[in-house]
Amino acid sequence: MRDELRKKFIAVCDQKIAKKGADVGLSFYAFFSNKNDNPELLMEAAEWWIREHKLDHFEKATKIKRMLQG
């Protein structure tokens, strides 16, 4: 995963955790606007989430953040 996407994921996880608590769940769509303005980045996120790590549709933000920082 490119550094730009990793930083974006961590920032969104931090925002969601701060707003909704440590048990908040996210899908990889949470990291993108409803407008598909960067399909390459969206596909890279989907590849990381689905193929590389075989994550469920919704995962805890704390888990995603740990994975990205580990």
PDB file of N, CA and C in Angstrom:
ATOM      1  N   MET A   1       0.845  -1.174   0.000  1.00  0.00           N
ATOM      2  CA  MET A   1       0.000   0.000   0.000  1.00  0.00           C
ATOM      3  C   MET A   1       0.892   1.240   0.000  1.00  0.00           C
ATOM      4  N   ARG A   2       0.580   2.148  -0.890  1.00  0.00           N
ATOM      5  CA  ARG A   2       1.381   3.373  -0.957  1.00  0.00           C
ATOM      6  C   ARG A   2       1.180   4.223   0.294  1.00  0.00           C
ATOM      7  N   ASP A   3       2.198   5.003   0.612  1.00  0.00           N
ATOM      8  CA  ASP A   3       2.227   5.798   1.834  1.00  0.00           C
ATOM      9  C   ASP A   3       1.039   6.767   1.921  1.00  0.00           C
ATOM     10  N   GLU A   4       0.668   7.366   0.803  1.00  0.00           N
ATOM     11  CA  GLU A   4      -0.461   8.304   0.754  1.00  0.00           C
ATOM     12  C   GLU A   4      -1.748   7.632   1.250  1.00  0.00           C
ATOM     13  N   LEU A   5      -1.984   6.427   0.801  1.00  0.00           N
ATOM     14  CA  LEU A   5      -3.190   5.699   1.178  1.00  0.00           C
ATOM     15  C   LEU A   5      -3.118   5.244   2.639  1.00  0.00           C
ATOM     16  N   ARG A   6      -1.972   4.794   3.073  1.00  0.00           N
ATOM     17  CA  ARG A   6      -1.779   4.370   4.464  1.00  0.00           C
ATOM     18  C   ARG A   6      -2.071   5.530   5.422  1.00  0.00           C
ATOM     19  N   LYS A   7      -1.547   6.707   5.114  1.00  0.00           N
ATOM     20  CA  LYS A   7      -1.773   7.896   5.955  1.00  0.00           C
ATOM     21  C   LYS A   7      -3.252   8.268   5.979  1.00  0.00           C
ATOM     22  N   LYS A   8      -3.901   8.174   4.830  1.00  0.00           N
ATOM     23  CA  LYS A   8      -5.329   8.486   4.739  1.00  0.00           C
ATOM     24  C   LYS A   8      -6.145   7.514   5.589  1.00  0.00           C
ATOM     25  N   PHE A   9      -5.839   6.230   5.501  1.00  0.00           N
ATOM     26  CA  PHE A   9      -6.544   5.218   6.292  1.00  0.00           C
ATOM     27  C   PHE A   9      -6.387   5.495   7.785  1.00  0.00           C
ATOM     28  N   ILE A  10      -5.162   5.762   8.219  1.00  0.00           N
ATOM     29  CA  ILE A  10      -4.909   6.017   9.640  1.00  0.00           C
ATOM     30  C   ILE A  10      -5.644   7.264  10.112  1.00  0.00           C
ATOM     31  N   ALA A  11      -5.623   8.324   9.310  1.00  0.00           N
ATOM     32  CA  ALA A  11      -6.312   9.565   9.680  1.00  0.00           C
ATOM     33  C   ALA A  11      -7.818   9.345   9.809  1.00  0.00           C
ATOM     34  N   VAL A  12      -8.406   8.605   8.884  1.00  0.00           N
ATOM     35  CA  VAL A  12      -9.843   8.332   8.942  1.00  0.00           C
ATOM     36  C   VAL A  12     -10.160   7.455  10.152  1.00  0.00           C
ATOM     37  N   CYS A  13      -9.338   6.456  10.415  1.00  0.00           N
ATOM     38  CA  CYS A  13      -9.539   5.618  11.606  1.00  0.00           C
ATOM     39  C   CYS A  13      -9.514   6.483  12.860  1.00  0.00           C
ATOM     40  N   ASP A  14      -8.535   7.364  12.964  1.00  0.00           N
ATOM     41  CA  ASP A  14      -8.442   8.253  14.123  1.00  0.00           C
ATOM     42  C   ASP A  14      -9.686   9.119  14.272  1.00  0.00           C
ATOM     43  N   GLN A  15     -10.169   9.671  13.157  1.00  0.00           N
ATOM     44  CA  GLN A  15     -11.372  10.525  13.186  1.00  0.00           C
ATOM     45  C   GLN A  15     -12.592   9.734  13.641  1.00  0.00           C
ATOM     46  N   LYS A  16     -12.778   8.556  13.072  1.00  0.00           N
ATOM     47  CA  LYS A  16     -13.953   7.741  13.409  1.00  0.00           C
ATOM     48  C   LYS A  16     -13.903   7.263  14.857  1.00  0.00           C
ATOM     49  N   ILE A  17     -12.725   6.866  15.328  1.00  0.00           N
ATOM     50  CA  ILE A  17     -12.570   6.423  16.713  1.00  0.00           C
ATOM     51  C   ILE A  17     -12.869   7.579  17.664  1.00  0.00           C
ATOM     52  N   ALA A  18     -12.349   8.764  17.355  1.00  0.00           N
ATOM     53  CA  ALA A  18     -12.591   9.939  18.204  1.00  0.00           C
ATOM     54  C   ALA A  18     -14.066  10.306  18.238  1.00  0.00           C
ATOM     55  N   LYS A  19     -14.742  10.155  17.118  1.00  0.00           N
ATOM     56  CA  LYS A  19     -16.144  10.557  17.012  1.00  0.00           C
ATOM     57  C   LYS A  19     -17.107   9.509  17.572  1.00  0.00           C
ATOM     58  N   LYS A  20     -16.816   8.210  17.315  1.00  0.00           N
ATOM     59  CA  LYS A  20     -17.791   7.162  17.645  1.00  0.00           C
ATOM     60  C   LYS A  20     -17.296   6.105  18.631  1.00  0.00           C
ATOM     61  N   GLY A  21     -16.038   6.210  19.047  1.00  0.00           N
ATOM     62  CA  GLY A  21     -15.520   5.268  20.026  1.00  0.00           C
ATOM     63  C   GLY A  21     -14.721   4.134  19.404  1.00  0.00           C
ATOM     64  N   ALA A  22     -14.045   3.393  20.279  1.00  0.00           N
ATOM     65  CA  ALA A  22     -13.110   2.345  19.856  1.00  0.00           C
ATOM     66  C   ALA A  22     -13.779   1.159  19.160  1.00  0.00           C
ATOM     67  N   ASP A  23     -15.079   0.991  19.326  1.00  0.00           N
ATOM     68  CA  ASP A  23     -15.770  -0.148  18.714  1.00  0.00           C
ATOM     69  C   ASP A  23     -16.337   0.157  17.329  1.00  0.00           C
ATOM     70  N   VAL A  24     -16.060   1.328  16.787  1.00  0.00           N
ATOM     71  CA  VAL A  24     -16.620   1.696  15.487  1.00  0.00           C
ATOM     72  C   VAL A  24     -16.074   0.773  14.400  1.00  0.00           C
ATOM     73  N   GLY A  25     -16.973   0.348  13.523  1.00  0.00           N
ATOM     74  CA  GLY A  25     -16.595  -0.497  12.395  1.00  0.00           C
ATOM     75  C   GLY A  25     -16.552   0.318  11.111  1.00  0.00           C
ATOM     76  N   LEU A  26     -15.674  -0.080  10.206  1.00  0.00           N
ATOM     77  CA  LEU A  26     -15.515   0.605   8.925  1.00  0.00           C
ATOM     78  C   LEU A  26     -15.434  -0.403   7.792  1.00  0.00           C
ATOM     79  N   SER A  27     -15.839   0.020   6.624  1.00  0.00           N
ATOM     80  CA  SER A  27     -15.538  -0.728   5.404  1.00  0.00           C
ATOM     81  C   SER A  27     -14.507   0.106   4.647  1.00  0.00           C
ATOM     82  N   PHE A  28     -13.889  -0.453   3.622  1.00  0.00           N
ATOM     83  CA  PHE A  28     -12.883   0.332   2.913  1.00  0.00           C
ATOM     84  C   PHE A  28     -13.505   1.516   2.183  1.00  0.00           C
ATOM     85  N   TYR A  29     -14.814   1.487   1.977  1.00  0.00           N
ATOM     86  CA  TYR A  29     -15.490   2.629   1.356  1.00  0.00           C
ATOM     87  C   TYR A  29     -15.480   3.863   2.256  1.00  0.00           C
ATOM     88  N   ALA A  30     -15.291   3.689   3.564  1.00  0.00           N
ATOM     89  CA  ALA A  30     -15.277   4.812   4.506  1.00  0.00           C
ATOM     90  C   ALA A  30     -14.124   5.768   4.223  1.00  0.00           C
ATOM     91  N   PHE A  31     -13.142   5.327   3.482  1.00  0.00           N
ATOM     92  CA  PHE A  31     -11.959   6.136   3.229  1.00  0.00           C
ATOM     93  C   PHE A  31     -12.073   6.963   1.946  1.00  0.00           C
ATOM     94  N   PHE A  32     -13.231   6.888   1.303  1.00  0.00           N
ATOM     95  CA  PHE A  32     -13.437   7.581   0.033  1.00  0.00           C
ATOM     96  C   PHE A  32     -14.763   8.315   0.037  1.00  0.00           C
ATOM     97  N   SER A  33     -14.835   9.379  -0.747  1.00  0.00           N
ATOM     98  CA  SER A  33     -16.101  10.096  -0.890  1.00  0.00           C
ATOM     99  C   SER A  33     -17.040   9.263  -1.758  1.00  0.00           C
ATOM    100  N   ASN A  34     -18.294   9.619  -1.769  1.00  0.00           N
ATOM    101  CA  ASN A  34     -19.276   8.897  -2.587  1.00  0.00           C
ATOM    102  C   ASN A  34     -18.986   9.034  -4.071  1.00  0.00           C
ATOM    103  N   LYS A  35     -18.212  10.033  -4.415  1.00  0.00           N
ATOM    104  CA  LYS A  35     -17.853  10.269  -5.804  1.00  0.00           C
ATOM    105  C   LYS A  35     -16.588   9.469  -6.117  1.00  0.00           C
ATOM    106  N   ASN A  36     -16.613   8.675  -7.145  1.00  0.00           N
ATOM    107  CA  ASN A  36     -15.459   7.853  -7.515  1.00  0.00           C
ATOM    108  C   ASN A  36     -14.480   8.693  -8.338  1.00  0.00           C
ATOM    109  N   ASP A  37     -13.755   9.570  -7.634  1.00  0.00           N
ATOM    110  CA  ASP A  37     -12.856  10.486  -8.327  1.00  0.00           C
ATOM    111  C   ASP A  37     -11.416   9.970  -8.434  1.00  0.00           C
ATOM    112  N   ASN A  38     -11.132   8.825  -7.807  1.00  0.00           N
ATOM    113  CA  ASN A  38      -9.798   8.243  -7.914  1.00  0.00           C
ATOM    114  C   ASN A  38      -9.914   6.715  -7.923  1.00  0.00           C
ATOM    115  N   PRO A  39     -10.332   6.147  -9.059  1.00  0.00           N
ATOM    116  CA  PRO A  39     -10.561   4.706  -9.116  1.00  0.00           C
ATOM    117  C   PRO A  39      -9.315   3.864  -8.840  1.00  0.00           C
ATOM    118  N   GLU A  40      -8.136   4.344  -9.195  1.00  0.00           N
ATOM    119  CA  GLU A  40      -6.916   3.574  -8.937  1.00  0.00           C
ATOM    120  C   GLU A  40      -6.666   3.420  -7.448  1.00  0.00           C
ATOM    121  N   LEU A  41      -6.857   4.499  -6.685  1.00  0.00           N
ATOM    122  CA  LEU A  41      -6.659   4.447  -5.246  1.00  0.00           C
ATOM    123  C   LEU A  41      -7.718   3.568  -4.583  1.00  0.00           C
ATOM    124  N   LEU A  42      -8.957   3.659  -5.069  1.00  0.00           N
ATOM    125  CA  LEU A  42     -10.038   2.822  -4.553  1.00  0.00           C
ATOM    126  C   LEU A  42      -9.734   1.342  -4.798  1.00  0.00           C
ATOM    127  N   MET A  43      -9.254   1.009  -5.969  1.00  0.00           N
ATOM    128  CA  MET A  43      -8.935  -0.375  -6.282  1.00  0.00           C
ATOM    129  C   MET A  43      -7.742  -0.869  -5.457  1.00  0.00           C
ATOM    130  N   GLU A  44      -6.783   0.004  -5.204  1.00  0.00           N
ATOM    131  CA  GLU A  44      -5.647  -0.368  -4.361  1.00  0.00           C
ATOM    132  C   GLU A  44      -6.126  -0.679  -2.939  1.00  0.00           C
ATOM    133  N   ALA A  45      -7.051   0.135  -2.436  1.00  0.00           N
ATOM    134  CA  ALA A  45      -7.616  -0.100  -1.101  1.00  0.00           C
ATOM    135  C   ALA A  45      -8.390  -1.413  -1.077  1.00  0.00           C
ATOM    136  N   ALA A  46      -9.185  -1.658  -2.096  1.00  0.00           N
ATOM    137  CA  ALA A  46      -9.967  -2.897  -2.175  1.00  0.00           C
ATOM    138  C   ALA A  46      -9.041  -4.108  -2.241  1.00  0.00           C
ATOM    139  N   GLU A  47      -7.994  -4.013  -3.012  1.00  0.00           N
ATOM    140  CA  GLU A  47      -7.017  -5.105  -3.135  1.00  0.00           C
ATOM    141  C   GLU A  47      -6.392  -5.414  -1.771  1.00  0.00           C
ATOM    142  N   TRP A  48      -5.967  -4.370  -1.067  1.00  0.00           N
ATOM    143  CA  TRP A  48      -5.360  -4.537   0.261  1.00  0.00           C
ATOM    144  C   TRP A  48      -6.363  -5.158   1.223  1.00  0.00           C
ATOM    145  N   TRP A  49      -7.589  -4.644   1.228  1.00  0.00           N
ATOM    146  CA  TRP A  49      -8.625  -5.059   2.181  1.00  0.00           C
ATOM    147  C   TRP A  49      -9.131  -6.474   1.898  1.00  0.00           C
ATOM    148  N   ILE A  50      -9.470  -6.741   0.640  1.00  0.00           N
ATOM    149  CA  ILE A  50     -10.157  -7.986   0.278  1.00  0.00           C
ATOM    150  C   ILE A  50      -9.186  -9.112  -0.086  1.00  0.00           C
ATOM    151  N   ARG A  51      -8.328  -8.873  -1.035  1.00  0.00           N
ATOM    152  CA  ARG A  51      -7.447  -9.946  -1.510  1.00  0.00           C
ATOM    153  C   ARG A  51      -6.260 -10.203  -0.597  1.00  0.00           C
ATOM    154  N   GLU A  52      -5.581  -9.135  -0.191  1.00  0.00           N
ATOM    155  CA  GLU A  52      -4.351  -9.304   0.576  1.00  0.00           C
ATOM    156  C   GLU A  52      -4.618  -9.755   2.010  1.00  0.00           C
ATOM    157  N   HIS A  53      -5.636  -9.157   2.654  1.00  0.00           N
ATOM    158  CA  HIS A  53      -5.876  -9.453   4.070  1.00  0.00           C
ATOM    159  C   HIS A  53      -7.163 -10.220   4.345  1.00  0.00           C
ATOM    160  N   LYS A  54      -7.993 -10.408   3.302  1.00  0.00           N
ATOM    161  CA  LYS A  54      -9.229 -11.191   3.424  1.00  0.00           C
ATOM    162  C   LYS A  54     -10.098 -10.718   4.601  1.00  0.00           C
ATOM    163  N   LEU A  55     -10.233  -9.398   4.710  1.00  0.00           N
ATOM    164  CA  LEU A  55     -11.025  -8.804   5.785  1.00  0.00           C
ATOM    165  C   LEU A  55     -12.511  -8.873   5.460  1.00  0.00           C
ATOM    166  N   ASP A  56     -13.329  -8.882   6.502  1.00  0.00           N
ATOM    167  CA  ASP A  56     -14.780  -8.818   6.328  1.00  0.00           C
ATOM    168  C   ASP A  56     -15.154  -7.443   5.798  1.00  0.00           C
ATOM    169  N   HIS A  57     -16.416  -7.310   5.383  1.00  0.00           N
ATOM    170  CA  HIS A  57     -16.858  -6.029   4.845  1.00  0.00           C
ATOM    171  C   HIS A  57     -16.670  -4.919   5.876  1.00  0.00           C
ATOM    172  N   PHE A  58     -17.061  -5.175   7.121  1.00  0.00           N
ATOM    173  CA  PHE A  58     -16.855  -4.209   8.196  1.00  0.00           C
ATOM    174  C   PHE A  58     -15.843  -4.765   9.181  1.00  0.00           C
ATOM    175  N   GLU A  59     -14.886  -3.932   9.553  1.00  0.00           N
ATOM    176  CA  GLU A  59     -13.861  -4.276  10.543  1.00  0.00           C
ATOM    177  C   GLU A  59     -13.728  -3.118  11.520  1.00  0.00           C
ATOM    178  N   LYS A  60     -13.245  -3.410  12.711  1.00  0.00           N
ATOM    179  CA  LYS A  60     -13.030  -2.369  13.712  1.00  0.00           C
ATOM    180  C   LYS A  60     -11.936  -1.417  13.234  1.00  0.00           C
ATOM    181  N   ALA A  61     -12.171  -0.134  13.417  1.00  0.00           N
ATOM    182  CA  ALA A  61     -11.181   0.870  13.032  1.00  0.00           C
ATOM    183  C   ALA A  61      -9.873   0.666  13.786  1.00  0.00           C
ATOM    184  N   THR A  62      -9.965   0.236  15.043  1.00  0.00           N
ATOM    185  CA  THR A  62      -8.757   0.000  15.828  1.00  0.00           C
ATOM    186  C   THR A  62      -7.925  -1.130  15.230  1.00  0.00           C
ATOM    187  N   LYS A  63      -8.566  -2.160  14.698  1.00  0.00           N
ATOM    188  CA  LYS A  63      -7.864  -3.275  14.073  1.00  0.00           C
ATOM    189  C   LYS A  63      -7.140  -2.805  12.802  1.00  0.00           C
ATOM    190  N   ILE A  64      -7.841  -2.038  11.982  1.00  0.00           N
ATOM    191  CA  ILE A  64      -7.255  -1.535  10.742  1.00  0.00           C
ATOM    192  C   ILE A  64      -6.049  -0.655  11.050  1.00  0.00           C
ATOM    193  N   LYS A  65      -6.196   0.224  12.018  1.00  0.00           N
ATOM    194  CA  LYS A  65      -5.103   1.119  12.390  1.00  0.00           C
ATOM    195  C   LYS A  65      -3.885   0.310  12.863  1.00  0.00           C
ATOM    196  N   ARG A  66      -4.111  -0.694  13.708  1.00  0.00           N
ATOM    197  CA  ARG A  66      -3.015  -1.549  14.186  1.00  0.00           C
ATOM    198  C   ARG A  66      -2.307  -2.244  13.022  1.00  0.00           C
ATOM    199  N   MET A  67      -3.093  -2.744  12.086  1.00  0.00           N
ATOM    200  CA  MET A  67      -2.510  -3.433  10.922  1.00  0.00           C
ATOM    201  C   MET A  67      -1.618  -2.496  10.122  1.00  0.00           C
ATOM    202  N   LEU A  68      -2.073  -1.272   9.956  1.00  0.00           N
ATOM    203  CA  LEU A  68      -1.329  -0.298   9.148  1.00  0.00           C
ATOM    204  C   LEU A  68      -0.073   0.191   9.858  1.00  0.00           C
ATOM    205  N   GLN A  69      -0.101   0.203  11.160  1.00  0.00           N
ATOM    206  CA  GLN A  69       1.052   0.684  11.906  1.00  0.00           C
ATOM    207  C   GLN A  69       2.039  -0.428  12.231  1.00  0.00           C
ATOM    208  N   GLY A  70       1.577  -1.673  12.135  1.00  0.00           N
ATOM    209  CA  GLY A  70       2.420  -2.810  12.512  1.00  0.00           C
ATOM    210  C   GLY A  70       3.429  -3.227  11.503  1.00  0.00           C
TER     211      GLY A  70
END
